Amino acid sequence: MLGLALAVAKLREKRQTEEGLGLRQLEAPGGHNPPAELENTSISTLAARVERLLTSEGLTSDLLLSISLVSVVLLLVLVLTSFGLVMTLNRRATHGTYSPSRQEKESSRVEMWSITQPPPMERLI
């Protein structure tokens, strides 16, 4: 999760840096607006930069990286959860408090007197 947060922070920093450069290109060194010819050129270069960011080089590759990182983390969590569940179920099956087979092995003879009831007495007619 920490790696994912770092990747997102890096992506935001990269976008802010590129946006800042794009706005600086539109401004003249003295802070005045450039002539119409330069403005068209700057807008076209800015449009090219935005187009490049939206292609596989820019936003798409960062998006794919983020999606793949999240998928790997979720897959790892799923595998660890299923492994823990299997271990817990196996442990409960073998280490429970009630185990009839263990009780049968401990006593070699099972007394049935306390369980069975005596037969009813016959009456004389």
N, C-alpha and C. Protein backbone atom coordinates (compact mmCIF):
# COMPACT_ATOMS: atom_id res chain seq x y z
N MET A 1 0.82 -1.19 0.00
CA MET A 1 0.00 0.00 0.00
C MET A 1 0.87 1.26 0.00
N LEU A 2 2.01 1.18 0.69
CA LEU A 2 2.90 2.33 0.74
C LEU A 2 3.46 2.63 -0.64
N GLY A 3 3.79 1.58 -1.39
CA GLY A 3 4.31 1.77 -2.74
C GLY A 3 3.28 2.41 -3.65
N LEU A 4 2.02 2.02 -3.49
CA LEU A 4 0.95 2.60 -4.29
C LEU A 4 0.78 4.08 -3.96
N ALA A 5 0.85 4.42 -2.68
CA ALA A 5 0.72 5.83 -2.29
C ALA A 5 1.88 6.65 -2.84
N LEU A 6 3.09 6.08 -2.83
CA LEU A 6 4.24 6.78 -3.39
C LEU A 6 4.10 6.98 -4.90
N ALA A 7 3.58 5.95 -5.59
CA ALA A 7 3.39 6.07 -7.04
C ALA A 7 2.37 7.15 -7.38
N VAL A 8 1.29 7.22 -6.61
CA VAL A 8 0.27 8.25 -6.85
C VAL A 8 0.84 9.63 -6.57
N ALA A 9 1.61 9.77 -5.50
CA ALA A 9 2.21 11.07 -5.18
C ALA A 9 3.19 11.50 -6.28
N LYS A 10 3.95 10.56 -6.79
CA LYS A 10 4.90 10.87 -7.86
C LYS A 10 4.17 11.30 -9.13
N LEU A 11 3.05 10.63 -9.43
CA LEU A 11 2.26 10.99 -10.60
C LEU A 11 1.69 12.39 -10.47
N ARG A 12 1.18 12.74 -9.29
CA ARG A 12 0.65 14.09 -9.08
C ARG A 12 1.74 15.14 -9.23
N GLU A 13 2.91 14.85 -8.67
CA GLU A 13 4.02 15.80 -8.77
C GLU A 13 4.44 16.00 -10.23
N LYS A 14 4.45 14.91 -10.98
CA LYS A 14 4.82 14.98 -12.40
C LYS A 14 3.81 15.83 -13.17
N ARG A 15 2.53 15.62 -12.91
CA ARG A 15 1.49 16.39 -13.59
C ARG A 15 1.59 17.87 -13.25
N GLN A 16 1.81 18.19 -11.98
CA GLN A 16 1.91 19.59 -11.58
C GLN A 16 3.11 20.26 -12.23
N THR A 17 4.22 19.54 -12.32
CA THR A 17 5.41 20.09 -12.95
C THR A 17 5.16 20.36 -14.43
N GLU A 18 4.54 19.41 -15.12
CA GLU A 18 4.28 19.58 -16.55
C GLU A 18 3.25 20.67 -16.80
N GLU A 19 2.24 20.78 -15.95
CA GLU A 19 1.25 21.84 -16.11
C GLU A 19 1.90 23.20 -15.89
N GLY A 20 2.78 23.30 -14.91
CA GLY A 20 3.48 24.55 -14.65
C GLY A 20 4.35 24.96 -15.82
N LEU A 21 5.02 23.99 -16.45
CA LEU A 21 5.85 24.30 -17.61
C LEU A 21 5.00 24.76 -18.78
N GLY A 22 3.85 24.16 -18.96
CA GLY A 22 2.97 24.55 -20.06
C GLY A 22 2.48 25.97 -19.90
N LEU A 23 2.15 26.38 -18.70
CA LEU A 23 1.68 27.74 -18.48
C LEU A 23 2.82 28.74 -18.62
N ARG A 24 4.01 28.36 -18.24
CA ARG A 24 5.16 29.27 -18.37
C ARG A 24 5.51 29.51 -19.83
N GLN A 25 5.29 28.52 -20.67
CA GLN A 25 5.59 28.69 -22.08
C GLN A 25 4.69 29.75 -22.72
N LEU A 26 3.47 29.89 -22.22
CA LEU A 26 2.54 30.85 -22.79
C LEU A 26 2.88 32.28 -22.40
N GLU A 27 3.60 32.47 -21.32
CA GLU A 27 3.93 33.81 -20.86
C GLU A 27 5.25 34.28 -21.47
N ALA A 28 5.31 35.56 -21.77
CA ALA A 28 6.55 36.14 -22.28
C ALA A 28 7.49 36.38 -21.10
N PRO A 29 8.79 36.52 -21.34
CA PRO A 29 9.74 36.73 -20.25
C PRO A 29 9.43 37.96 -19.41
N GLY A 30 8.89 39.01 -20.00
CA GLY A 30 8.58 40.22 -19.24
C GLY A 30 7.24 40.17 -18.55
N GLY A 31 6.52 39.10 -18.69
CA GLY A 31 5.22 38.98 -18.06
C GLY A 31 4.09 39.47 -18.96
N HIS A 32 4.41 39.92 -20.19
CA HIS A 32 3.39 40.39 -21.13
C HIS A 32 2.93 39.22 -21.99
N ASN A 33 1.76 39.38 -22.56
CA ASN A 33 1.26 38.35 -23.47
C ASN A 33 2.05 38.38 -24.77
N PRO A 34 2.35 37.24 -25.36
CA PRO A 34 3.11 37.20 -26.60
C PRO A 34 2.24 37.63 -27.79
N PRO A 35 2.84 37.93 -28.91
CA PRO A 35 2.07 38.24 -30.11
C PRO A 35 1.24 37.04 -30.55
N ALA A 36 0.30 37.29 -31.46
CA ALA A 36 -0.63 36.24 -31.90
C ALA A 36 0.10 35.08 -32.54
N GLU A 37 1.19 35.34 -33.30
CA GLU A 37 1.92 34.25 -33.95
C GLU A 37 2.53 33.31 -32.92
N LEU A 38 3.17 33.88 -31.90
CA LEU A 38 3.78 33.05 -30.86
C LEU A 38 2.73 32.36 -30.01
N GLU A 39 1.59 33.02 -29.84
CA GLU A 39 0.53 32.41 -29.04
C GLU A 39 0.00 31.16 -29.72
N ASN A 40 -0.17 31.22 -31.04
CA ASN A 40 -0.63 30.04 -31.78
C ASN A 40 0.39 28.92 -31.70
N THR A 41 1.66 29.26 -31.79
CA THR A 41 2.71 28.26 -31.71
C THR A 41 2.74 27.63 -30.32
N SER A 42 2.62 28.44 -29.30
CA SER A 42 2.64 27.92 -27.94
C SER A 42 1.44 27.03 -27.67
N ILE A 43 0.29 27.43 -28.20
CA ILE A 43 -0.91 26.61 -28.00
C ILE A 43 -0.76 25.29 -28.73
N SER A 44 -0.17 25.31 -29.92
CA SER A 44 0.01 24.05 -30.66
C SER A 44 1.00 23.14 -29.94
N THR A 45 2.07 23.73 -29.38
CA THR A 45 3.01 22.89 -28.63
C THR A 45 2.37 22.38 -27.35
N LEU A 46 1.54 23.22 -26.74
CA LEU A 46 0.84 22.78 -25.54
C LEU A 46 -0.15 21.67 -25.88
N ALA A 47 -0.84 21.80 -27.01
CA ALA A 47 -1.77 20.76 -27.45
C ALA A 47 -1.03 19.46 -27.74
N ALA A 48 0.15 19.58 -28.34
CA ALA A 48 0.96 18.38 -28.61
C ALA A 48 1.39 17.72 -27.31
N ARG A 49 1.75 18.54 -26.33
CA ARG A 49 2.16 18.00 -25.03
C ARG A 49 0.98 17.29 -24.35
N VAL A 50 -0.21 17.89 -24.40
CA VAL A 50 -1.39 17.27 -23.79
C VAL A 50 -1.72 15.97 -24.51
N GLU A 51 -1.62 15.98 -25.84
CA GLU A 51 -1.89 14.77 -26.60
C GLU A 51 -0.90 13.67 -26.23
N ARG A 52 0.38 14.04 -26.07
CA ARG A 52 1.39 13.06 -25.69
C ARG A 52 1.13 12.50 -24.29
N LEU A 53 0.63 13.36 -23.39
CA LEU A 53 0.32 12.89 -22.04
C LEU A 53 -0.83 11.90 -22.03
N LEU A 54 -1.77 12.08 -22.95
CA LEU A 54 -2.94 11.21 -22.99
C LEU A 54 -2.69 9.93 -23.77
N THR A 55 -1.56 9.81 -24.43
CA THR A 55 -1.24 8.58 -25.16
C THR A 55 -0.55 7.60 -24.22
N SER A 56 -0.02 6.54 -24.78
CA SER A 56 0.60 5.49 -23.97
C SER A 56 1.82 5.98 -23.20
N GLU A 57 2.41 7.09 -23.60
CA GLU A 57 3.60 7.58 -22.90
C GLU A 57 3.27 8.20 -21.55
N GLY A 58 2.15 8.86 -21.45
CA GLY A 58 1.86 9.66 -20.26
C GLY A 58 0.86 9.04 -19.33
N LEU A 59 -0.36 9.54 -19.39
CA LEU A 59 -1.41 9.18 -18.44
C LEU A 59 -1.76 7.71 -18.49
N THR A 60 -1.80 7.15 -19.69
CA THR A 60 -2.19 5.75 -19.83
C THR A 60 -1.20 4.83 -19.14
N SER A 61 0.09 5.06 -19.33
CA SER A 61 1.08 4.19 -18.70
C SER A 61 1.04 4.33 -17.18
N ASP A 62 0.85 5.54 -16.68
CA ASP A 62 0.73 5.73 -15.23
C ASP A 62 -0.53 5.07 -14.70
N LEU A 63 -1.61 5.16 -15.46
CA LEU A 63 -2.86 4.53 -15.06
C LEU A 63 -2.72 3.02 -15.04
N LEU A 64 -2.08 2.46 -16.07
CA LEU A 64 -1.86 1.02 -16.11
C LEU A 64 -0.96 0.56 -14.97
N LEU A 65 0.03 1.36 -14.64
CA LEU A 65 0.91 1.03 -13.52
C LEU A 65 0.12 1.00 -12.22
N SER A 66 -0.72 2.00 -12.01
CA SER A 66 -1.52 2.05 -10.78
C SER A 66 -2.48 0.87 -10.71
N ILE A 67 -3.14 0.57 -11.82
CA ILE A 67 -4.10 -0.54 -11.84
C ILE A 67 -3.39 -1.86 -11.59
N SER A 68 -2.22 -2.06 -12.20
CA SER A 68 -1.50 -3.32 -11.99
C SER A 68 -1.00 -3.44 -10.55
N LEU A 69 -0.55 -2.34 -9.95
CA LEU A 69 -0.12 -2.39 -8.55
C LEU A 69 -1.28 -2.75 -7.63
N VAL A 70 -2.43 -2.14 -7.85
CA VAL A 70 -3.60 -2.45 -7.03
C VAL A 70 -4.02 -3.90 -7.23
N SER A 71 -3.96 -4.40 -8.47
CA SER A 71 -4.33 -5.79 -8.74
C SER A 71 -3.40 -6.76 -8.04
N VAL A 72 -2.11 -6.48 -8.07
CA VAL A 72 -1.14 -7.36 -7.40
C VAL A 72 -1.36 -7.36 -5.90
N VAL A 73 -1.62 -6.20 -5.32
CA VAL A 73 -1.86 -6.11 -3.88
C VAL A 73 -3.13 -6.88 -3.51
N LEU A 74 -4.20 -6.72 -4.30
CA LEU A 74 -5.45 -7.44 -4.01
C LEU A 74 -5.27 -8.94 -4.17
N LEU A 75 -4.51 -9.37 -5.17
CA LEU A 75 -4.25 -10.79 -5.36
C LEU A 75 -3.46 -11.35 -4.18
N LEU A 76 -2.48 -10.61 -3.71
CA LEU A 76 -1.69 -11.04 -2.56
C LEU A 76 -2.56 -11.15 -1.31
N VAL A 77 -3.44 -10.18 -1.10
CA VAL A 77 -4.35 -10.23 0.05
C VAL A 77 -5.28 -11.43 -0.06
N LEU A 78 -5.78 -11.71 -1.26
CA LEU A 78 -6.67 -12.85 -1.46
C LEU A 78 -5.96 -14.17 -1.18
N VAL A 79 -4.73 -14.32 -1.66
CA VAL A 79 -3.97 -15.55 -1.43
C VAL A 79 -3.68 -15.73 0.06
N LEU A 80 -3.24 -14.67 0.73
CA LEU A 80 -2.93 -14.77 2.16
C LEU A 80 -4.19 -15.07 2.98
N THR A 81 -5.31 -14.47 2.61
CA THR A 81 -6.56 -14.73 3.33
C THR A 81 -7.00 -16.17 3.15
N SER A 82 -6.94 -16.68 1.93
CA SER A 82 -7.35 -18.07 1.70
C SER A 82 -6.41 -19.04 2.41
N PHE A 83 -5.12 -18.76 2.41
CA PHE A 83 -4.16 -19.61 3.12
C PHE A 83 -4.44 -19.62 4.62
N GLY A 84 -4.69 -18.46 5.19
CA GLY A 84 -5.02 -18.37 6.61
C GLY A 84 -6.31 -19.09 6.95
N LEU A 85 -7.30 -19.00 6.08
CA LEU A 85 -8.58 -19.68 6.31
C LEU A 85 -8.40 -21.19 6.30
N VAL A 86 -7.62 -21.71 5.34
CA VAL A 86 -7.37 -23.15 5.28
C VAL A 86 -6.62 -23.62 6.52
N MET A 87 -5.62 -22.86 6.94
CA MET A 87 -4.87 -23.23 8.15
C MET A 87 -5.76 -23.23 9.38
N THR A 88 -6.63 -22.24 9.50
CA THR A 88 -7.53 -22.15 10.65
C THR A 88 -8.50 -23.32 10.67
N LEU A 89 -9.07 -23.66 9.52
CA LEU A 89 -10.02 -24.78 9.47
C LEU A 89 -9.33 -26.10 9.80
N ASN A 90 -8.12 -26.31 9.31
CA ASN A 90 -7.39 -27.54 9.63
C ASN A 90 -7.04 -27.60 11.11
N ARG A 91 -6.65 -26.51 11.68
CA ARG A 91 -6.29 -26.49 13.10
C ARG A 91 -7.52 -26.77 13.97
N ARG A 92 -8.66 -26.20 13.62
CA ARG A 92 -9.87 -26.43 14.41
C ARG A 92 -10.32 -27.88 14.30
N ALA A 93 -10.08 -28.51 13.16
CA ALA A 93 -10.50 -29.90 12.98
C ALA A 93 -9.64 -30.85 13.81
N THR A 94 -8.37 -30.54 14.02
CA THR A 94 -7.48 -31.47 14.73
C THR A 94 -7.22 -31.09 16.18
N HIS A 95 -7.47 -29.86 16.58
CA HIS A 95 -7.14 -29.42 17.93
C HIS A 95 -8.36 -28.95 18.71
N GLY A 96 -9.52 -29.52 18.43
CA GLY A 96 -10.73 -29.08 19.12
C GLY A 96 -10.81 -29.63 20.54
N THR A 97 -11.80 -29.19 21.31
CA THR A 97 -11.96 -29.66 22.68
C THR A 97 -12.71 -30.99 22.72
N TYR A 98 -13.54 -31.26 21.73
CA TYR A 98 -14.30 -32.50 21.70
C TYR A 98 -13.75 -33.38 20.59
N SER A 99 -13.23 -34.54 20.98
CA SER A 99 -12.70 -35.48 20.00
C SER A 99 -13.13 -36.88 20.40
N PRO A 100 -14.19 -37.42 19.81
CA PRO A 100 -14.69 -38.75 20.21
C PRO A 100 -13.66 -39.85 19.99
N SER A 101 -12.88 -39.76 18.94
CA SER A 101 -11.90 -40.83 18.70
C SER A 101 -10.86 -40.87 19.81
N ARG A 102 -10.46 -39.72 20.33
CA ARG A 102 -9.48 -39.69 21.42
C ARG A 102 -10.08 -40.30 22.68
N GLN A 103 -11.35 -40.01 22.95
CA GLN A 103 -11.98 -40.58 24.14
C GLN A 103 -12.13 -42.09 24.01
N GLU A 104 -12.38 -42.58 22.81
CA GLU A 104 -12.49 -44.03 22.62
C GLU A 104 -11.13 -44.71 22.79
N LYS A 105 -10.07 -44.05 22.37
CA LYS A 105 -8.74 -44.64 22.51
C LYS A 105 -8.29 -44.66 23.97
N GLU A 106 -8.70 -43.69 24.76
CA GLU A 106 -8.29 -43.62 26.16
C GLU A 106 -8.94 -44.72 27.00
N SER A 107 -10.18 -45.03 26.75
CA SER A 107 -10.84 -46.09 27.54
C SER A 107 -11.06 -47.30 26.64
N SER A 108 -10.55 -48.44 27.09
CA SER A 108 -10.65 -49.64 26.26
C SER A 108 -12.03 -50.26 26.33
N ARG A 109 -12.77 -49.97 27.39
CA ARG A 109 -14.09 -50.58 27.56
C ARG A 109 -15.12 -49.48 27.74
N VAL A 110 -16.20 -49.63 27.06
CA VAL A 110 -17.28 -48.66 27.18
C VAL A 110 -18.38 -49.30 28.02
N GLU A 111 -18.74 -48.68 29.11
CA GLU A 111 -19.79 -49.20 29.97
C GLU A 111 -21.13 -48.68 29.49
N MET A 112 -22.05 -49.61 29.31
CA MET A 112 -23.36 -49.24 28.79
C MET A 112 -24.42 -49.23 29.89
N TRP A 113 -24.07 -49.52 31.13
CA TRP A 113 -25.07 -49.64 32.19
C TRP A 113 -25.77 -48.31 32.47
N SER A 114 -25.04 -47.26 32.35
CA SER A 114 -25.66 -45.98 32.65
C SER A 114 -26.55 -45.50 31.50
N ILE A 115 -26.33 -46.04 30.33
CA ILE A 115 -27.10 -45.59 29.16
C ILE A 115 -28.37 -46.42 28.97
N THR A 116 -28.26 -47.75 29.11
CA THR A 116 -29.42 -48.62 28.84
C THR A 116 -30.32 -48.70 30.07
N GLN A 117 -31.59 -48.83 29.81
CA GLN A 117 -32.56 -48.97 30.90
C GLN A 117 -32.91 -50.45 31.07
N PRO A 118 -33.19 -50.83 32.30
CA PRO A 118 -33.54 -52.25 32.51
C PRO A 118 -34.88 -52.57 31.85
N PRO A 119 -35.07 -53.84 31.45
CA PRO A 119 -36.35 -54.20 30.81
C PRO A 119 -37.49 -54.11 31.82
N PRO A 120 -38.70 -53.84 31.34
CA PRO A 120 -39.84 -53.76 32.26
C PRO A 120 -40.13 -55.12 32.91
N MET A 121 -40.58 -55.11 34.12
CA MET A 121 -40.85 -56.36 34.85
C MET A 121 -42.17 -56.96 34.35
N GLU A 122 -42.18 -58.27 34.24
CA GLU A 122 -43.41 -58.94 33.81
C GLU A 122 -44.36 -59.08 34.98
N ARG A 123 -45.62 -58.99 34.68
CA ARG A 123 -46.64 -59.14 35.72
C ARG A 123 -47.19 -60.57 35.72
N LEU A 124 -47.54 -60.97 36.87
CA LEU A 124 -48.19 -62.27 36.97
C LEU A 124 -49.69 -62.09 36.72
N ILE A 125 -50.28 -62.97 35.97
CA ILE A 125 -51.70 -62.85 35.67
C ILE A 125 -52.51 -63.66 36.65
